[in-house]
Amino acid sequence: MGFRWTELSSTLKLKKMKHFEINATLRTDVGKKASKLIRRDEKIPCVIYGGEKTLHFYTSQSDVRKFVYTPEVMFADIKLDGKQYPAIIKDIQFHPVSDKIIHIDFYELNEAKPLKIQIPLLITGSSLGVKAGGKLKQNMRKITVKGLMNEIPDKMEIDISELNIGDSIRIKDLKSDKLEFVDTKTNIVVTIISMRGIIAAEEAAVAAEAATKAEKAESKEVENN
């Protein structure tokens, strides 16, 4: 079945992104030997770049645990050498065996410059289509937005209460005065599909799997002959 492009206005709720404070100590020695000593002391070598200068520092595993191991998206406020640097994680490295964090790259943010970041998507409301027997299908769990640091929300809530069976919300349907939605405009964020459509899709998947198995079996038989 095809999906109708909904003309409904999707309701967005935005809450400003949280900030997580990280206490840090400036490094004077940035060599490999010094990094090993830092890790041995349960600390993490880090670097922050993107601002006026690149800074090397270290912080404790406990200081960043709640920042790294969370489904939330937050900005880091790095307290370093008497100053505070707003940042996001650009890269993070884990030990292949212990899975401990062994290095973090931070990117310094500028309040006056827009940034691009992925934020979680939260679907709210009980849609008319689901009440009528349809099924909610969420195609995207995160969306990419671009905007000023102080305008970026921690997540985006979309109210789907008015969606009927066959209705979809696409990236192009999302509206905000302060954010740009970067993903492909025709991407479907969420849709309500009918049970008939679900059954047809499942039957098509089973048929495709059976056809693939038959082709493999035929190919194997030809090779054996």
Protein backbone atom coordinates (compact mmCIF):
# COMPACT_ATOMS: atom_id res chain seq x y z
CA MET A 1 0.00 0.00 0.00
CA GLY A 2 1.11 3.61 -0.48
CA PHE A 3 1.25 6.19 2.26
CA ARG A 4 -0.56 9.49 2.05
CA TRP A 5 1.53 12.58 2.68
CA THR A 6 -0.25 14.04 5.66
CA GLU A 7 -1.22 17.70 5.55
CA LEU A 8 -1.66 17.61 9.32
CA SER A 9 0.45 19.97 11.37
CA SER A 10 2.65 17.88 13.66
CA THR A 11 2.91 19.36 17.16
CA LEU A 12 6.48 19.76 18.40
CA LYS A 13 7.49 20.20 22.03
CA LEU A 14 11.01 21.44 22.68
CA LYS A 15 13.00 21.56 25.91
CA LYS A 16 16.48 23.04 25.93
CA MET A 17 19.31 20.53 26.01
CA LYS A 18 20.84 19.78 29.38
CA HIS A 19 24.41 20.63 30.27
CA PHE A 20 26.67 18.17 32.09
CA GLU A 21 29.59 19.52 34.11
CA ILE A 22 32.95 17.75 33.75
CA ASN A 23 35.86 18.61 36.03
CA ALA A 24 39.17 18.44 34.18
CA THR A 25 42.90 18.97 34.74
CA LEU A 26 45.20 20.46 32.13
CA ARG A 27 47.98 18.14 30.90
CA THR A 28 51.57 19.30 30.69
CA ASP A 29 52.89 16.07 29.18
CA VAL A 30 50.94 14.67 26.22
CA GLY A 31 53.21 11.72 25.38
CA LYS A 32 52.15 8.04 25.26
CA LYS A 33 53.94 7.21 28.49
CA ALA A 34 52.11 10.00 30.32
CA SER A 35 48.80 8.79 28.85
CA LYS A 36 49.43 5.27 30.18
CA LEU A 37 50.09 6.65 33.66
CA ILE A 38 46.89 8.68 33.50
CA ARG A 39 44.84 5.60 32.54
CA ARG A 40 46.50 3.54 35.27
CA ASP A 41 45.14 6.07 37.75
CA GLU A 42 41.55 5.55 36.44
CA LYS A 43 41.71 8.82 34.49
CA ILE A 44 40.93 9.50 30.83
CA PRO A 45 43.21 11.48 28.46
CA CYS A 46 41.12 13.99 26.50
CA VAL A 47 41.49 16.77 23.97
CA ILE A 48 39.24 19.69 23.10
CA TYR A 49 39.54 21.53 19.78
CA GLY A 50 37.50 23.84 17.58
CA GLY A 51 38.10 26.97 19.65
CA GLU A 52 40.97 29.42 19.80
CA LYS A 53 43.43 26.67 20.72
CA THR A 54 43.64 22.92 21.23
CA LEU A 55 43.80 21.85 24.87
CA HIS A 56 44.91 18.49 26.26
CA PHE A 57 43.56 17.46 29.65
CA TYR A 58 42.36 14.50 31.67
CA THR A 59 39.30 13.70 33.73
CA SER A 60 38.14 10.74 35.84
CA GLN A 61 36.08 7.77 34.68
CA SER A 62 33.49 8.60 37.34
CA ASP A 63 33.22 12.21 36.10
CA VAL A 64 32.06 11.22 32.61
CA ARG A 65 30.25 7.93 33.29
CA LYS A 66 26.78 9.49 33.54
CA PHE A 67 27.53 11.67 30.54
CA VAL A 68 28.64 8.86 28.23
CA TYR A 69 26.47 5.94 29.36
CA THR A 70 23.05 7.51 28.87
CA PRO A 71 20.46 7.56 26.09
CA GLU A 72 20.15 11.32 26.63
CA VAL A 73 22.00 13.82 24.48
CA MET A 74 23.70 16.56 26.52
CA PHE A 75 26.27 19.28 26.12
CA ALA A 76 29.44 19.02 28.18
CA ASP A 77 30.60 21.98 30.24
CA ILE A 78 34.30 21.27 30.74
CA LYS A 79 35.75 23.08 33.75
CA LEU A 80 39.42 23.48 32.96
CA ASP A 81 42.10 25.76 34.35
CA GLY A 82 39.60 28.25 35.80
CA LYS A 83 37.51 28.44 32.63
CA GLN A 84 34.45 26.63 31.28
CA TYR A 85 34.26 25.24 27.75
CA PRO A 86 30.92 24.12 26.24
CA ALA A 87 31.51 21.07 24.04
CA ILE A 88 30.16 17.90 22.44
CA ILE A 89 31.86 14.54 22.01
CA LYS A 90 33.37 14.12 18.55
CA ASP A 91 35.07 10.76 19.13
CA ILE A 92 35.40 8.31 21.97
CA GLN A 93 37.68 5.25 22.23
CA PHE A 94 37.07 2.17 24.38
CA HIS A 95 39.47 -0.55 25.50
CA PRO A 96 38.83 -3.65 23.33
CA VAL A 97 38.79 -6.00 26.35
CA SER A 98 37.67 -4.06 29.44
CA ASP A 99 35.46 -1.63 27.47
CA LYS A 100 36.73 1.22 29.63
CA ILE A 101 36.95 4.66 28.07
CA ILE A 102 40.58 5.30 27.05
CA HIS A 103 40.30 8.62 25.16
CA ILE A 104 37.73 11.31 24.34
CA ASP A 105 37.84 14.01 21.67
CA PHE A 106 35.65 17.03 22.47
CA TYR A 107 34.63 19.77 20.05
CA GLU A 108 34.32 23.24 21.56
CA LEU A 109 31.05 25.02 20.81
CA ASN A 110 30.45 28.66 20.04
CA GLU A 111 27.13 30.15 21.14
CA ALA A 112 27.08 32.38 18.05
CA LYS A 113 27.70 29.59 15.52
CA PRO A 114 25.11 26.97 14.49
CA LEU A 115 25.93 23.31 14.99
CA LYS A 116 24.58 20.09 13.54
CA ILE A 117 23.61 17.33 15.98
CA GLN A 118 21.38 14.26 16.26
CA ILE A 119 18.68 14.33 18.93
CA PRO A 120 16.27 11.61 20.09
CA LEU A 121 12.71 11.55 18.81
CA LEU A 122 9.82 10.89 21.21
CA ILE A 123 6.37 10.05 19.88
CA THR A 124 3.48 11.19 22.09
CA GLY A 125 -0.29 10.96 21.90
CA SER A 126 -2.70 8.20 20.91
CA SER A 127 -3.43 8.39 17.21
CA LEU A 128 -6.89 8.11 15.69
CA GLY A 129 -5.55 5.49 13.29
CA VAL A 130 -4.27 3.20 16.05
CA LYS A 131 -7.62 3.49 17.84
CA ALA A 132 -9.26 2.43 14.57
CA GLY A 133 -7.13 -0.74 14.37
CA GLY A 134 -4.02 0.50 12.62
CA LYS A 135 -0.45 0.07 13.79
CA LEU A 136 2.12 2.73 14.57
CA LYS A 137 5.39 2.39 12.65
CA GLN A 138 8.25 4.63 13.74
CA ASN A 139 10.93 4.73 11.06
CA MET A 140 13.28 7.19 12.74
CA ARG A 141 14.50 7.17 16.35
CA LYS A 142 16.75 10.22 15.96
CA ILE A 143 16.70 13.23 13.69
CA THR A 144 19.47 15.61 12.70
CA VAL A 145 18.94 19.28 13.42
CA LYS A 146 21.00 22.43 12.93
CA GLY A 147 20.77 25.50 15.12
CA LEU A 148 22.42 27.64 17.75
CA MET A 149 23.66 25.84 20.85
CA ASN A 150 21.12 27.51 23.17
CA GLU A 151 18.24 26.60 20.85
CA ILE A 152 19.01 22.88 20.52
CA PRO A 153 16.52 20.72 22.48
CA ASP A 154 17.46 17.56 24.40
CA LYS A 155 14.81 15.66 22.44
CA MET A 156 11.96 16.33 20.10
CA GLU A 157 8.44 15.28 20.98
CA ILE A 158 5.94 14.80 18.17
CA ASP A 159 2.23 14.54 18.96
CA ILE A 160 0.57 12.05 16.59
CA SER A 161 -2.95 12.27 18.03
CA GLU A 162 -4.48 13.45 14.73
CA LEU A 163 -2.92 10.79 12.48
CA ASN A 164 -5.35 8.39 10.76
CA ILE A 165 -4.60 5.09 9.01
CA GLY A 166 -2.44 5.84 5.98
CA ASP A 167 -1.16 9.15 7.36
CA SER A 168 2.55 9.83 7.66
CA ILE A 169 4.71 12.54 9.13
CA ARG A 170 7.81 13.26 7.08
CA ILE A 171 10.79 15.46 7.78
CA LYS A 172 9.23 18.16 5.58
CA ASP A 173 6.21 18.28 7.92
CA LEU A 174 8.28 19.29 10.96
CA LYS A 175 8.30 23.02 11.59
CA SER A 176 10.48 25.16 13.83
CA ASP A 177 11.40 28.84 13.81
CA LYS A 178 14.79 28.15 15.38
CA LEU A 179 15.92 24.80 13.95
CA GLU A 180 16.73 23.45 10.51
CA PHE A 181 15.87 19.80 9.88
CA VAL A 182 18.81 18.33 8.00
CA ASP A 183 17.59 14.84 7.07
CA THR A 184 16.12 14.19 3.60
CA LYS A 185 12.80 16.03 3.46
CA THR A 186 10.86 13.03 2.13
CA ASN A 187 12.04 10.65 4.88
CA ILE A 188 9.09 9.19 6.79
CA VAL A 189 9.42 9.78 10.53
CA VAL A 190 6.29 7.94 11.61
CA THR A 191 3.26 6.42 9.88
CA ILE A 192 0.06 4.56 10.73
CA ILE A 193 -0.40 1.42 8.65
CA SER A 194 -3.43 -0.84 8.35
CA MET A 195 -3.42 -4.44 9.50
CA ARG A 196 -4.03 -5.44 5.88
CA GLY A 197 -0.80 -3.68 4.95
CA ILE A 198 1.08 -5.44 7.77
CA ILE A 199 -0.15 -8.86 6.66
CA ALA A 200 0.72 -8.11 3.01
CA ALA A 201 4.21 -7.00 4.03
CA GLU A 202 4.75 -10.12 6.14
CA GLU A 203 3.53 -12.38 3.33
CA ALA A 204 5.85 -10.63 0.86
CA ALA A 205 8.79 -11.09 3.24
CA VAL A 206 8.04 -14.82 3.65
CA ALA A 207 7.71 -15.25 -0.11
CA ALA A 208 10.99 -13.42 -0.74
CA GLU A 209 12.78 -15.60 1.84
CA ALA A 210 11.38 -18.77 0.29
CA ALA A 211 12.45 -17.62 -3.18
CA THR A 212 15.98 -16.90 -1.93
CA LYS A 213 16.25 -20.35 -0.34
CA ALA A 214 14.98 -21.99 -3.53
CA GLU A 215 17.55 -20.10 -5.63
CA LYS A 216 20.37 -21.16 -3.28
CA ALA A 217 19.24 -24.79 -3.36
CA GLU A 218 19.01 -24.75 -7.17
CA SER A 219 22.44 -23.15 -7.44
CA LYS A 220 23.96 -25.76 -5.13
CA GLU A 221 22.37 -28.58 -7.15
CA VAL A 222 23.84 -27.18 -10.37
CA GLU A 223 27.32 -27.01 -8.76
CA ASN A 224 27.07 -30.63 -7.58
CA ASN A 225 26.15 -31.78 -11.07
